[in-house]
Amino acid sequence: MFTVVGGSDRQPNLENYYVSLDKIIVDKNGKREAQDSNMEGECHFKMNKDATKFYFIKCDIYNRAKGSMYNFYLENISGFDRKEF
């Protein structure tokens, strides 16, 4: 499982949401395999105005010093479940 962790966000309009990223965590079979807190990047969520349909979620995160980069793209999203906490 890959987990990206972010901080600040922005939403220039209802259809576009961005969150900055600063950490990645990698777990395998429930065990922490790796964690890098020196990452930077951003996720972009494209959705309709009501956030009832998502068109894509694209996350790019990288570590400049190590030269590592991860791209997580969910495209052509056909459905999802929303749970309130």
PDB file of N, CA and C in Angstrom:
ATOM      1  N   MET A   1       0.841  -1.153   0.000  1.00  0.00           N
ATOM      2  CA  MET A   1       0.000   0.000   0.000  1.00  0.00           C
ATOM      3  C   MET A   1       0.898   1.232   0.000  1.00  0.00           C
ATOM      4  N   PHE A   2       0.571   2.174  -0.858  1.00  0.00           N
ATOM      5  CA  PHE A   2       1.271   3.444  -0.911  1.00  0.00           C
ATOM      6  C   PHE A   2       0.390   4.498  -0.249  1.00  0.00           C
ATOM      7  N   THR A   3       0.975   5.279   0.641  1.00  0.00           N
ATOM      8  CA  THR A   3       0.260   6.381   1.274  1.00  0.00           C
ATOM      9  C   THR A   3       1.039   7.654   1.007  1.00  0.00           C
ATOM     10  N   VAL A   4       0.367   8.657   0.448  1.00  0.00           N
ATOM     11  CA  VAL A   4       0.989   9.965   0.276  1.00  0.00           C
ATOM     12  C   VAL A   4       0.384  10.894   1.316  1.00  0.00           C
ATOM     13  N   VAL A   5       1.229  11.712   1.927  1.00  0.00           N
ATOM     14  CA  VAL A   5       0.808  12.584   3.007  1.00  0.00           C
ATOM     15  C   VAL A   5       1.017  14.026   2.569  1.00  0.00           C
ATOM     16  N   GLY A   6       0.014  14.842   2.828  1.00  0.00           N
ATOM     17  CA  GLY A   6       0.076  16.221   2.377  1.00  0.00           C
ATOM     18  C   GLY A   6      -0.127  17.239   3.466  1.00  0.00           C
ATOM     19  N   GLY A   7      -0.046  18.462   3.042  1.00  0.00           N
ATOM     20  CA  GLY A   7      -0.202  19.577   3.955  1.00  0.00           C
ATOM     21  C   GLY A   7      -1.221  20.562   3.437  1.00  0.00           C
ATOM     22  N   SER A   8      -0.740  21.606   2.822  1.00  0.00           N
ATOM     23  CA  SER A   8      -1.633  22.669   2.366  1.00  0.00           C
ATOM     24  C   SER A   8      -2.404  22.245   1.120  1.00  0.00           C
ATOM     25  N   ASP A   9      -3.516  22.912   0.913  1.00  0.00           N
ATOM     26  CA  ASP A   9      -4.333  22.626  -0.261  1.00  0.00           C
ATOM     27  C   ASP A   9      -4.842  23.933  -0.851  1.00  0.00           C
ATOM     28  N   ARG A  10      -5.372  23.805  -2.053  1.00  0.00           N
ATOM     29  CA  ARG A  10      -5.992  24.958  -2.727  1.00  0.00           C
ATOM     30  C   ARG A  10      -7.089  24.437  -3.637  1.00  0.00           C
ATOM     31  N   GLN A  11      -8.071  25.270  -3.861  1.00  0.00           N
ATOM     32  CA  GLN A  11      -9.172  24.905  -4.738  1.00  0.00           C
ATOM     33  C   GLN A  11      -9.575  26.145  -5.525  1.00  0.00           C
ATOM     34  N   PRO A  12      -8.931  26.356  -6.687  1.00  0.00           N
ATOM     35  CA  PRO A  12      -9.199  27.567  -7.460  1.00  0.00           C
ATOM     36  C   PRO A  12     -10.631  27.653  -7.984  1.00  0.00           C
ATOM     37  N   ASN A  13     -11.290  26.508  -8.133  1.00  0.00           N
ATOM     38  CA  ASN A  13     -12.708  26.462  -8.497  1.00  0.00           C
ATOM     39  C   ASN A  13     -13.264  25.125  -8.019  1.00  0.00           C
ATOM     40  N   LEU A  14     -14.576  24.957  -8.112  1.00  0.00           N
ATOM     41  CA  LEU A  14     -15.203  23.762  -7.560  1.00  0.00           C
ATOM     42  C   LEU A  14     -14.784  22.467  -8.253  1.00  0.00           C
ATOM     43  N   GLU A  15     -14.314  22.560  -9.482  1.00  0.00           N
ATOM     44  CA  GLU A  15     -13.967  21.359 -10.237  1.00  0.00           C
ATOM     45  C   GLU A  15     -12.513  20.921 -10.076  1.00  0.00           C
ATOM     46  N   ASN A  16     -11.689  21.706  -9.442  1.00  0.00           N
ATOM     47  CA  ASN A  16     -10.265  21.401  -9.324  1.00  0.00           C
ATOM     48  C   ASN A  16      -9.798  21.584  -7.886  1.00  0.00           C
ATOM     49  N   TYR A  17      -9.217  20.529  -7.334  1.00  0.00           N
ATOM     50  CA  TYR A  17      -8.700  20.556  -5.975  1.00  0.00           C
ATOM     51  C   TYR A  17      -7.266  20.053  -6.008  1.00  0.00           C
ATOM     52  N   TYR A  18      -6.379  20.741  -5.310  1.00  0.00           N
ATOM     53  CA  TYR A  18      -4.960  20.398  -5.269  1.00  0.00           C
ATOM     54  C   TYR A  18      -4.518  20.284  -3.817  1.00  0.00           C
ATOM     55  N   VAL A  19      -3.703  19.286  -3.523  1.00  0.00           N
ATOM     56  CA  VAL A  19      -3.118  19.148  -2.192  1.00  0.00           C
ATOM     57  C   VAL A  19      -1.615  18.903  -2.355  1.00  0.00           C
ATOM     58  N   SER A  20      -0.824  19.644  -1.578  1.00  0.00           N
ATOM     59  CA  SER A  20       0.631  19.454  -1.651  1.00  0.00           C
ATOM     60  C   SER A  20       1.018  18.202  -0.877  1.00  0.00           C
ATOM     61  N   LEU A  21       2.096  17.572  -1.302  1.00  0.00           N
ATOM     62  CA  LEU A  21       2.559  16.324  -0.693  1.00  0.00           C
ATOM     63  C   LEU A  21       3.963  16.513  -0.139  1.00  0.00           C
ATOM     64  N   ASP A  22       4.241  15.860   0.999  1.00  0.00           N
ATOM     65  CA  ASP A  22       5.576  15.979   1.577  1.00  0.00           C
ATOM     66  C   ASP A  22       6.116  14.668   2.153  1.00  0.00           C
ATOM     67  N   LYS A  23       5.361  13.576   2.004  1.00  0.00           N
ATOM     68  CA  LYS A  23       5.829  12.294   2.544  1.00  0.00           C
ATOM     69  C   LYS A  23       5.181  11.145   1.768  1.00  0.00           C
ATOM     70  N   ILE A  24       5.919  10.047   1.633  1.00  0.00           N
ATOM     71  CA  ILE A  24       5.364   8.817   1.079  1.00  0.00           C
ATOM     72  C   ILE A  24       5.688   7.672   2.039  1.00  0.00           C
ATOM     73  N   ILE A  25       4.730   6.778   2.205  1.00  0.00           N
ATOM     74  CA  ILE A  25       4.888   5.603   3.066  1.00  0.00           C
ATOM     75  C   ILE A  25       4.545   4.376   2.225  1.00  0.00           C
ATOM     76  N   VAL A  26       5.364   3.341   2.329  1.00  0.00           N
ATOM     77  CA  VAL A  26       5.126   2.093   1.601  1.00  0.00           C
ATOM     78  C   VAL A  26       4.994   0.964   2.624  1.00  0.00           C
ATOM     79  N   ASP A  27       3.844   0.303   2.598  1.00  0.00           N
ATOM     80  CA  ASP A  27       3.591  -0.859   3.455  1.00  0.00           C
ATOM     81  C   ASP A  27       3.379  -2.077   2.564  1.00  0.00           C
ATOM     82  N   LYS A  28       3.881  -3.227   3.021  1.00  0.00           N
ATOM     83  CA  LYS A  28       3.688  -4.481   2.288  1.00  0.00           C
ATOM     84  C   LYS A  28       3.248  -5.534   3.285  1.00  0.00           C
ATOM     85  N   ASN A  29       2.107  -6.155   3.002  1.00  0.00           N
ATOM     86  CA  ASN A  29       1.541  -7.178   3.886  1.00  0.00           C
ATOM     87  C   ASN A  29       1.394  -6.670   5.322  1.00  0.00           C
ATOM     88  N   GLY A  30       0.979  -5.408   5.454  1.00  0.00           N
ATOM     89  CA  GLY A  30       0.749  -4.832   6.769  1.00  0.00           C
ATOM     90  C   GLY A  30       1.997  -4.389   7.507  1.00  0.00           C
ATOM     91  N   LYS A  31       3.154  -4.458   6.849  1.00  0.00           N
ATOM     92  CA  LYS A  31       4.420  -4.094   7.491  1.00  0.00           C
ATOM     93  C   LYS A  31       5.032  -2.896   6.772  1.00  0.00           C
ATOM     94  N   ARG A  32       5.521  -1.935   7.530  1.00  0.00           N
ATOM     95  CA  ARG A  32       6.161  -0.752   6.961  1.00  0.00           C
ATOM     96  C   ARG A  32       7.450  -1.143   6.265  1.00  0.00           C
ATOM     97  N   GLU A  33       7.516  -0.899   4.963  1.00  0.00           N
ATOM     98  CA  GLU A  33       8.698  -1.222   4.168  1.00  0.00           C
ATOM     99  C   GLU A  33       9.599  -0.003   3.984  1.00  0.00           C
ATOM    100  N   ALA A  34       8.976   1.170   3.830  1.00  0.00           N
ATOM    101  CA  ALA A  34       9.758   2.375   3.582  1.00  0.00           C
ATOM    102  C   ALA A  34       8.938   3.609   3.924  1.00  0.00           C
ATOM    103  N   GLN A  35       9.664   4.668   4.235  1.00  0.00           N
ATOM    104  CA  GLN A  35       9.031   5.958   4.488  1.00  0.00           C
ATOM    105  C   GLN A  35      10.036   7.032   4.116  1.00  0.00           C
ATOM    106  N   ASP A  36       9.590   8.038   3.378  1.00  0.00           N
ATOM    107  CA  ASP A  36      10.465   9.143   2.993  1.00  0.00           C
ATOM    108  C   ASP A  36       9.750  10.448   3.302  1.00  0.00           C
ATOM    109  N   SER A  37      10.283  11.201   4.253  1.00  0.00           N
ATOM    110  CA  SER A  37       9.690  12.478   4.670  1.00  0.00           C
ATOM    111  C   SER A  37      10.308  13.669   3.951  1.00  0.00           C
ATOM    112  N   ASN A  38      11.162  13.412   2.981  1.00  0.00           N
ATOM    113  CA  ASN A  38      11.812  14.498   2.231  1.00  0.00           C
ATOM    114  C   ASN A  38      11.257  14.592   0.815  1.00  0.00           C
ATOM    115  N   MET A  39       9.986  14.310   0.670  1.00  0.00           N
ATOM    116  CA  MET A  39       9.349  14.317  -0.634  1.00  0.00           C
ATOM    117  C   MET A  39       8.675  15.664  -0.873  1.00  0.00           C
ATOM    118  N   GLU A  40       8.373  15.924  -2.121  1.00  0.00           N
ATOM    119  CA  GLU A  40       7.571  17.086  -2.484  1.00  0.00           C
ATOM    120  C   GLU A  40       6.760  16.723  -3.717  1.00  0.00           C
ATOM    121  N   GLY A  41       5.614  17.337  -3.824  1.00  0.00           N
ATOM    122  CA  GLY A  41       4.765  17.058  -4.964  1.00  0.00           C
ATOM    123  C   GLY A  41       3.351  17.544  -4.738  1.00  0.00           C
ATOM    124  N   GLU A  42       2.436  17.006  -5.547  1.00  0.00           N
ATOM    125  CA  GLU A  42       1.062  17.496  -5.515  1.00  0.00           C
ATOM    126  C   GLU A  42       0.110  16.454  -6.090  1.00  0.00           C
ATOM    127  N   CYS A  43      -1.106  16.423  -5.557  1.00  0.00           N
ATOM    128  CA  CYS A  43      -2.208  15.659  -6.135  1.00  0.00           C
ATOM    129  C   CYS A  43      -3.218  16.640  -6.709  1.00  0.00           C
ATOM    130  N   HIS A  44      -3.753  16.306  -7.871  1.00  0.00           N
ATOM    131  CA  HIS A  44      -4.785  17.113  -8.524  1.00  0.00           C
ATOM    132  C   HIS A  44      -6.023  16.245  -8.691  1.00  0.00           C
ATOM    133  N   PHE A  45      -7.132  16.700  -8.155  1.00  0.00           N
ATOM    134  CA  PHE A  45      -8.421  16.023  -8.256  1.00  0.00           C
ATOM    135  C   PHE A  45      -9.302  16.828  -9.208  1.00  0.00           C
ATOM    136  N   LYS A  46      -9.783  16.194 -10.265  1.00  0.00           N
ATOM    137  CA  LYS A  46     -10.711  16.833 -11.211  1.00  0.00           C
ATOM    138  C   LYS A  46     -12.069  16.182 -11.013  1.00  0.00           C
ATOM    139  N   MET A  47     -13.097  16.995 -10.726  1.00  0.00           N
ATOM    140  CA  MET A  47     -14.422  16.471 -10.397  1.00  0.00           C
ATOM    141  C   MET A  47     -15.497  17.432 -10.881  1.00  0.00           C
ATOM    142  N   ASN A  48     -16.764  17.017 -10.733  1.00  0.00           N
ATOM    143  CA  ASN A  48     -17.845  17.939 -11.039  1.00  0.00           C
ATOM    144  C   ASN A  48     -18.044  18.883  -9.844  1.00  0.00           C
ATOM    145  N   LYS A  49     -18.862  19.907 -10.007  1.00  0.00           N
ATOM    146  CA  LYS A  49     -19.019  20.934  -8.972  1.00  0.00           C
ATOM    147  C   LYS A  49     -19.537  20.395  -7.646  1.00  0.00           C
ATOM    148  N   ASP A  50     -20.337  19.335  -7.678  1.00  0.00           N
ATOM    149  CA  ASP A  50     -20.891  18.747  -6.451  1.00  0.00           C
ATOM    150  C   ASP A  50     -19.987  17.690  -5.832  1.00  0.00           C
ATOM    151  N   ALA A  51     -18.885  17.378  -6.474  1.00  0.00           N
ATOM    152  CA  ALA A  51     -17.969  16.316  -6.038  1.00  0.00           C
ATOM    153  C   ALA A  51     -18.678  14.972  -5.933  1.00  0.00           C
ATOM    154  N   THR A  52     -19.643  14.749  -6.821  1.00  0.00           N
ATOM    155  CA  THR A  52     -20.333  13.461  -6.885  1.00  0.00           C
ATOM    156  C   THR A  52     -19.762  12.583  -7.997  1.00  0.00           C
ATOM    157  N   LYS A  53     -18.922  13.169  -8.838  1.00  0.00           N
ATOM    158  CA  LYS A  53     -18.252  12.419  -9.899  1.00  0.00           C
ATOM    159  C   LYS A  53     -16.820  12.922 -10.000  1.00  0.00           C
ATOM    160  N   PHE A  54     -15.880  11.980  -9.948  1.00  0.00           N
ATOM    161  CA  PHE A  54     -14.469  12.317 -10.111  1.00  0.00           C
ATOM    162  C   PHE A  54     -14.019  11.845 -11.486  1.00  0.00           C
ATOM    163  N   TYR A  55     -13.308  12.703 -12.206  1.00  0.00           N
ATOM    164  CA  TYR A  55     -12.822  12.372 -13.534  1.00  0.00           C
ATOM    165  C   TYR A  55     -11.407  11.794 -13.474  1.00  0.00           C
ATOM    166  N   PHE A  56     -10.575  12.355 -12.608  1.00  0.00           N
ATOM    167  CA  PHE A  56      -9.252  11.790 -12.389  1.00  0.00           C
ATOM    168  C   PHE A  56      -8.667  12.281 -11.080  1.00  0.00           C
ATOM    169  N   ILE A  57      -7.682  11.522 -10.597  1.00  0.00           N
ATOM    170  CA  ILE A  57      -6.838  11.909  -9.467  1.00  0.00           C
ATOM    171  C   ILE A  57      -5.417  11.610  -9.920  1.00  0.00           C
ATOM    172  N   LYS A  58      -4.589  12.639  -9.962  1.00  0.00           N
ATOM    173  CA  LYS A  58      -3.213  12.481 -10.428  1.00  0.00           C
ATOM    174  C   LYS A  58      -2.269  13.021  -9.361  1.00  0.00           C
ATOM    175  N   CYS A  59      -1.375  12.149  -8.905  1.00  0.00           N
ATOM    176  CA  CYS A  59      -0.405  12.527  -7.877  1.00  0.00           C
ATOM    177  C   CYS A  59       1.009  12.298  -8.396  1.00  0.00           C
ATOM    178  N   ASP A  60       1.820  13.322  -8.283  1.00  0.00           N
ATOM    179  CA  ASP A  60       3.236  13.251  -8.634  1.00  0.00           C
ATOM    180  C   ASP A  60       4.019  13.656  -7.393  1.00  0.00           C
ATOM    181  N   ILE A  61       4.934  12.789  -6.948  1.00  0.00           N
ATOM    182  CA  ILE A  61       5.710  13.060  -5.747  1.00  0.00           C
ATOM    183  C   ILE A  61       7.148  12.622  -5.990  1.00  0.00           C
ATOM    184  N   TYR A  62       8.102  13.424  -5.535  1.00  0.00           N
ATOM    185  CA  TYR A  62       9.493  13.125  -5.832  1.00  0.00           C
ATOM    186  C   TYR A  62      10.415  13.615  -4.714  1.00  0.00           C
ATOM    187  N   ASN A  63      11.611  13.055  -4.688  1.00  0.00           N
ATOM    188  CA  ASN A  63      12.676  13.459  -3.783  1.00  0.00           C
ATOM    189  C   ASN A  63      13.829  13.933  -4.654  1.00  0.00           C
ATOM    190  N   ARG A  64      14.066  15.220  -4.661  1.00  0.00           N
ATOM    191  CA  ARG A  64      15.107  15.792  -5.530  1.00  0.00           C
ATOM    192  C   ARG A  64      16.494  15.234  -5.215  1.00  0.00           C
ATOM    193  N   ALA A  65      16.819  15.143  -3.934  1.00  0.00           N
ATOM    194  CA  ALA A  65      18.162  14.702  -3.528  1.00  0.00           C
ATOM    195  C   ALA A  65      18.450  13.269  -3.964  1.00  0.00           C
ATOM    196  N   LYS A  66      17.471  12.386  -3.815  1.00  0.00           N
ATOM    197  CA  LYS A  66      17.655  10.975  -4.178  1.00  0.00           C
ATOM    198  C   LYS A  66      17.380  10.703  -5.647  1.00  0.00           C
ATOM    199  N   GLY A  67      16.648  11.602  -6.287  1.00  0.00           N
ATOM    200  CA  GLY A  67      16.275  11.389  -7.679  1.00  0.00           C
ATOM    201  C   GLY A  67      15.145  10.384  -7.849  1.00  0.00           C
ATOM    202  N   SER A  68      14.387  10.117  -6.764  1.00  0.00           N
ATOM    203  CA  SER A  68      13.264   9.171  -6.861  1.00  0.00           C
ATOM    204  C   SER A  68      11.975   9.915  -7.185  1.00  0.00           C
ATOM    205  N   MET A  69      11.089   9.248  -7.944  1.00  0.00           N
ATOM    206  CA  MET A  69       9.829   9.858  -8.353  1.00  0.00           C
ATOM    207  C   MET A  69       8.746   8.806  -8.431  1.00  0.00           C
ATOM    208  N   TYR A  70       7.553   9.162  -7.985  1.00  0.00           N
ATOM    209  CA  TYR A  70       6.387   8.282  -8.048  1.00  0.00           C
ATOM    210  C   TYR A  70       5.239   9.047  -8.694  1.00  0.00           C
ATOM    211  N   ASN A  71       4.506   8.374  -9.562  1.00  0.00           N
ATOM    212  CA  ASN A  71       3.323   8.931 -10.205  1.00  0.00           C
ATOM    213  C   ASN A  71       2.166   7.977  -9.960  1.00  0.00           C
ATOM    214  N   PHE A  72       1.112   8.476  -9.363  1.00  0.00           N
ATOM    215  CA  PHE A  72      -0.092   7.686  -9.114  1.00  0.00           C
ATOM    216  C   PHE A  72      -1.239   8.353  -9.857  1.00  0.00           C
ATOM    217  N   TYR A  73      -1.782   7.686 -10.868  1.00  0.00           N
ATOM    218  CA  TYR A  73      -2.844   8.257 -11.683  1.00  0.00           C
ATOM    219  C   TYR A  73      -4.053   7.329 -11.676  1.00  0.00           C
ATOM    220  N   LEU A  74      -5.174   7.853 -11.266  1.00  0.00           N
ATOM    221  CA  LEU A  74      -6.458   7.166 -11.375  1.00  0.00           C
ATOM    222  C   LEU A  74      -7.262   7.936 -12.418  1.00  0.00           C
ATOM    223  N   GLU A  75      -7.543   7.288 -13.540  1.00  0.00           N
ATOM    224  CA  GLU A  75      -8.237   7.949 -14.632  1.00  0.00           C
ATOM    225  C   GLU A  75      -9.480   7.147 -15.006  1.00  0.00           C
ATOM    226  N   ASN A  76     -10.397   7.800 -15.698  1.00  0.00           N
ATOM    227  CA  ASN A  76     -11.635   7.150 -16.124  1.00  0.00           C
ATOM    228  C   ASN A  76     -12.347   6.505 -14.937  1.00  0.00           C
ATOM    229  N   ILE A  77     -12.483   7.232 -13.856  1.00  0.00           N
ATOM    230  CA  ILE A  77     -13.115   6.726 -12.639  1.00  0.00           C
ATOM    231  C   ILE A  77     -14.602   6.530 -12.904  1.00  0.00           C
ATOM    232  N   SER A  78     -15.081   5.316 -12.695  1.00  0.00           N
ATOM    233  CA  SER A  78     -16.482   5.019 -13.003  1.00  0.00           C
ATOM    234  C   SER A  78     -17.376   5.065 -11.770  1.00  0.00           C
ATOM    235  N   GLY A  79     -16.814   5.069 -10.580  1.00  0.00           N
ATOM    236  CA  GLY A  79     -17.627   5.150  -9.367  1.00  0.00           C
ATOM    237  C   GLY A  79     -16.768   5.149  -8.128  1.00  0.00           C
ATOM    238  N   PHE A  80     -17.364   5.531  -7.013  1.00  0.00           N
ATOM    239  CA  PHE A  80     -16.653   5.549  -5.744  1.00  0.00           C
ATOM    240  C   PHE A  80     -17.684   5.613  -4.616  1.00  0.00           C
ATOM    241  N   ASP A  81     -17.240   5.311  -3.417  1.00  0.00           N
ATOM    242  CA  ASP A  81     -18.072   5.419  -2.213  1.00  0.00           C
ATOM    243  C   ASP A  81     -17.503   6.517  -1.341  1.00  0.00           C
ATOM    244  N   ARG A  82     -18.368   7.359  -0.826  1.00  0.00           N
ATOM    245  CA  ARG A  82     -17.943   8.428   0.079  1.00  0.00           C
ATOM    246  C   ARG A  82     -18.457   8.105   1.466  1.00  0.00           C
ATOM    247  N   LYS A  83     -17.575   8.184   2.450  1.00  0.00           N
ATOM    248  CA  LYS A  83     -17.948   7.926   3.840  1.00  0.00           C
ATOM    249  C   LYS A  83     -17.620   9.149   4.674  1.00  0.00           C
ATOM    250  N   GLU A  84     -18.579   9.617   5.420  1.00  0.00           N
ATOM    251  CA  GLU A  84     -18.364  10.751   6.321  1.00  0.00           C
ATOM    252  C   GLU A  84     -17.792  10.231   7.629  1.00  0.00           C
ATOM    253  N   PHE A  85     -16.825  10.942   8.181  1.00  0.00           N
ATOM    254  CA  PHE A  85     -16.212  10.557   9.449  1.00  0.00           C
ATOM    255  C   PHE A  85     -16.678  11.476  10.539  1.00  0.00           C
TER     256      PHE A  85
END
